[in-house]
Amino acid sequence: MSENHTTSHEGENHGTYGSYIVGFVLAVILTVASFAAVLSKAFSFWQTIAVLGVLAAVQMVVHLIFFLHMGMKSTSQRHNLAAFVVTALMVAIVIIGYLFVLWDAQANMMAG
């Protein structure tokens, strides 16, 4: 009834405790920076949005590198990175196309 399930991860880099700690510390710093940017009210509304966008993009890169192990070190990592980039581009194309269609429809409806 019980089956022996073994998986081999030869050559795979699953990170070290040190890399996980560095990733965690960077993620915490970026999260605190995001809260500080909003709570300090040091920026205007649109500047705050821009700062949050940049911090979010940097945090995504930190998570991809330190926790999801996407990089250029091995063939497997390169394939995962390529699949992620293609997926992200497809999602961006769909979202941008959707926004363009809505903007164009709204502009044409308000013209008449």
C-alpha atoms as a PDB file:
ATOM      1  CA  MET A   1       0.000   0.000   0.000  1.00  0.00           C
ATOM      2  CA  SER A   2       2.829   2.363   0.683  1.00  0.00           C
ATOM      3  CA  GLU A   3       4.944   3.271  -2.286  1.00  0.00           C
ATOM      4  CA  ASN A   4       8.489   4.466  -2.214  1.00  0.00           C
ATOM      5  CA  HIS A   5       8.490   7.960  -3.697  1.00  0.00           C
ATOM      6  CA  THR A   6      11.944   9.312  -4.170  1.00  0.00           C
ATOM      7  CA  THR A   7      12.963  12.364  -6.091  1.00  0.00           C
ATOM      8  CA  SER A   8      16.394  13.323  -7.202  1.00  0.00           C
ATOM      9  CA  HIS A   9      17.557  16.903  -7.217  1.00  0.00           C
ATOM     10  CA  GLU A  10      21.066  16.339  -8.452  1.00  0.00           C
ATOM     11  CA  GLY A  11      22.809  19.534  -9.396  1.00  0.00           C
ATOM     12  CA  GLU A  12      19.996  21.694  -8.113  1.00  0.00           C
ATOM     13  CA  ASN A  13      20.788  24.688  -5.953  1.00  0.00           C
ATOM     14  CA  HIS A  14      18.205  24.989  -3.216  1.00  0.00           C
ATOM     15  CA  GLY A  15      19.998  27.739  -1.372  1.00  0.00           C
ATOM     16  CA  THR A  16      21.801  27.849   1.911  1.00  0.00           C
ATOM     17  CA  TYR A  17      20.653  29.105   5.277  1.00  0.00           C
ATOM     18  CA  GLY A  18      22.760  32.193   4.662  1.00  0.00           C
ATOM     19  CA  SER A  19      21.023  32.980   1.374  1.00  0.00           C
ATOM     20  CA  TYR A  20      17.606  32.511   2.983  1.00  0.00           C
ATOM     21  CA  ILE A  21      18.583  34.860   5.825  1.00  0.00           C
ATOM     22  CA  VAL A  22      19.838  37.484   3.354  1.00  0.00           C
ATOM     23  CA  GLY A  23      16.605  37.185   1.350  1.00  0.00           C
ATOM     24  CA  PHE A  24      14.484  37.424   4.484  1.00  0.00           C
ATOM     25  CA  VAL A  25      16.358  40.482   5.780  1.00  0.00           C
ATOM     26  CA  LEU A  26      16.064  42.219   2.395  1.00  0.00           C
ATOM     27  CA  ALA A  27      12.336  41.418   2.241  1.00  0.00           C
ATOM     28  CA  VAL A  28      11.803  42.834   5.740  1.00  0.00           C
ATOM     29  CA  ILE A  29      13.791  45.984   4.912  1.00  0.00           C
ATOM     30  CA  LEU A  30      11.779  46.539   1.728  1.00  0.00           C
ATOM     31  CA  THR A  31       8.499  45.982   3.574  1.00  0.00           C
ATOM     32  CA  VAL A  32       9.460  48.438   6.320  1.00  0.00           C
ATOM     33  CA  ALA A  33      10.563  50.940   3.663  1.00  0.00           C
ATOM     34  CA  SER A  34       7.157  50.637   1.985  1.00  0.00           C
ATOM     35  CA  PHE A  35       5.323  51.296   5.243  1.00  0.00           C
ATOM     36  CA  ALA A  36       7.675  54.179   6.038  1.00  0.00           C
ATOM     37  CA  ALA A  37       7.081  55.757   2.628  1.00  0.00           C
ATOM     38  CA  VAL A  38       3.334  55.769   3.219  1.00  0.00           C
ATOM     39  CA  LEU A  39       3.214  56.608   6.921  1.00  0.00           C
ATOM     40  CA  SER A  40       5.809  59.401   6.806  1.00  0.00           C
ATOM     41  CA  LYS A  41       3.822  61.344   4.192  1.00  0.00           C
ATOM     42  CA  ALA A  42       7.161  62.638   2.891  1.00  0.00           C
ATOM     43  CA  PHE A  43       6.047  62.234  -0.724  1.00  0.00           C
ATOM     44  CA  SER A  44       3.092  63.478  -2.740  1.00  0.00           C
ATOM     45  CA  PHE A  45       0.411  60.953  -3.717  1.00  0.00           C
ATOM     46  CA  TRP A  46       1.918  60.136  -7.118  1.00  0.00           C
ATOM     47  CA  GLN A  47       5.463  60.067  -5.765  1.00  0.00           C
ATOM     48  CA  THR A  48       4.313  57.613  -3.090  1.00  0.00           C
ATOM     49  CA  ILE A  49       2.730  55.419  -5.778  1.00  0.00           C
ATOM     50  CA  ALA A  50       5.997  55.498  -7.759  1.00  0.00           C
ATOM     51  CA  VAL A  51       8.108  54.692  -4.676  1.00  0.00           C
ATOM     52  CA  LEU A  52       5.809  51.787  -3.768  1.00  0.00           C
ATOM     53  CA  GLY A  53       5.981  50.489  -7.336  1.00  0.00           C
ATOM     54  CA  VAL A  54       9.779  50.534  -7.321  1.00  0.00           C
ATOM     55  CA  LEU A  55       9.964  48.894  -3.880  1.00  0.00           C
ATOM     56  CA  ALA A  56       7.468  46.223  -4.988  1.00  0.00           C
ATOM     57  CA  ALA A  57       9.489  45.473  -8.129  1.00  0.00           C
ATOM     58  CA  VAL A  58      12.699  45.178  -6.105  1.00  0.00           C
ATOM     59  CA  GLN A  59      10.968  42.907  -3.595  1.00  0.00           C
ATOM     60  CA  MET A  60       9.721  40.684  -6.420  1.00  0.00           C
ATOM     61  CA  VAL A  61      13.294  40.330  -7.675  1.00  0.00           C
ATOM     62  CA  VAL A  62      14.494  39.494  -4.161  1.00  0.00           C
ATOM     63  CA  HIS A  63      11.856  36.770  -3.832  1.00  0.00           C
ATOM     64  CA  LEU A  64      12.599  35.366  -7.279  1.00  0.00           C
ATOM     65  CA  ILE A  65      16.328  35.146  -6.612  1.00  0.00           C
ATOM     66  CA  PHE A  66      16.531  34.175  -2.937  1.00  0.00           C
ATOM     67  CA  PHE A  67      13.392  32.059  -2.446  1.00  0.00           C
ATOM     68  CA  LEU A  68      12.415  30.728  -5.887  1.00  0.00           C
ATOM     69  CA  HIS A  69      16.057  30.278  -6.942  1.00  0.00           C
ATOM     70  CA  MET A  70      15.618  31.747 -10.400  1.00  0.00           C
ATOM     71  CA  GLY A  71      18.950  32.618 -11.844  1.00  0.00           C
ATOM     72  CA  MET A  72      21.485  31.747 -14.487  1.00  0.00           C
ATOM     73  CA  LYS A  73      23.589  29.173 -12.594  1.00  0.00           C
ATOM     74  CA  SER A  74      22.140  25.959 -14.010  1.00  0.00           C
ATOM     75  CA  THR A  75      20.190  24.893 -17.071  1.00  0.00           C
ATOM     76  CA  SER A  76      17.123  24.214 -14.930  1.00  0.00           C
ATOM     77  CA  GLN A  77      17.250  27.711 -13.443  1.00  0.00           C
ATOM     78  CA  ARG A  78      17.616  29.251 -16.908  1.00  0.00           C
ATOM     79  CA  HIS A  79      14.596  27.292 -18.157  1.00  0.00           C
ATOM     80  CA  ASN A  80      12.533  28.354 -15.140  1.00  0.00           C
ATOM     81  CA  LEU A  81      13.588  31.973 -15.646  1.00  0.00           C
ATOM     82  CA  ALA A  82      12.723  31.856 -19.350  1.00  0.00           C
ATOM     83  CA  ALA A  83       9.291  30.372 -18.595  1.00  0.00           C
ATOM     84  CA  PHE A  84       8.689  33.058 -15.974  1.00  0.00           C
ATOM     85  CA  VAL A  85       9.706  35.874 -18.335  1.00  0.00           C
ATOM     86  CA  VAL A  86       7.455  34.558 -21.128  1.00  0.00           C
ATOM     87  CA  THR A  87       4.541  34.223 -18.685  1.00  0.00           C
ATOM     88  CA  ALA A  88       5.100  37.734 -17.315  1.00  0.00           C
ATOM     89  CA  LEU A  89       5.213  39.170 -20.849  1.00  0.00           C
ATOM     90  CA  MET A  90       2.000  37.395 -21.812  1.00  0.00           C
ATOM     91  CA  VAL A  91       0.240  38.672 -18.694  1.00  0.00           C
ATOM     92  CA  ALA A  92       1.517  42.210 -19.397  1.00  0.00           C
ATOM     93  CA  ILE A  93       0.269  42.026 -23.007  1.00  0.00           C
ATOM     94  CA  VAL A  94      -3.177  40.902 -21.851  1.00  0.00           C
ATOM     95  CA  ILE A  95      -3.432  43.613 -19.173  1.00  0.00           C
ATOM     96  CA  ILE A  96      -2.160  46.394 -21.442  1.00  0.00           C
ATOM     97  CA  GLY A  97      -4.477  45.252 -24.243  1.00  0.00           C
ATOM     98  CA  TYR A  98      -7.422  45.156 -21.866  1.00  0.00           C
ATOM     99  CA  LEU A  99      -6.695  48.675 -20.604  1.00  0.00           C
ATOM    100  CA  PHE A 100      -6.248  49.968 -24.148  1.00  0.00           C
ATOM    101  CA  VAL A 101      -9.575  48.502 -25.282  1.00  0.00           C
ATOM    102  CA  LEU A 102     -11.383  49.988 -22.272  1.00  0.00           C
ATOM    103  CA  TRP A 103      -9.746  53.396 -22.771  1.00  0.00           C
ATOM    104  CA  ASP A 104     -10.551  53.375 -26.503  1.00  0.00           C
ATOM    105  CA  ALA A 105     -14.159  52.308 -25.924  1.00  0.00           C
ATOM    106  CA  GLN A 106     -14.636  54.985 -23.284  1.00  0.00           C
ATOM    107  CA  ALA A 107     -13.086  57.659 -25.521  1.00  0.00           C
ATOM    108  CA  ASN A 108     -15.317  56.692 -28.464  1.00  0.00           C
ATOM    109  CA  MET A 109     -18.469  56.608 -26.316  1.00  0.00           C
ATOM    110  CA  MET A 110     -17.781  60.061 -24.863  1.00  0.00           C
ATOM    111  CA  ALA A 111     -16.976  61.619 -28.264  1.00  0.00           C
ATOM    112  CA  GLY A 112     -20.540  61.581 -29.559  1.00  0.00           C
END
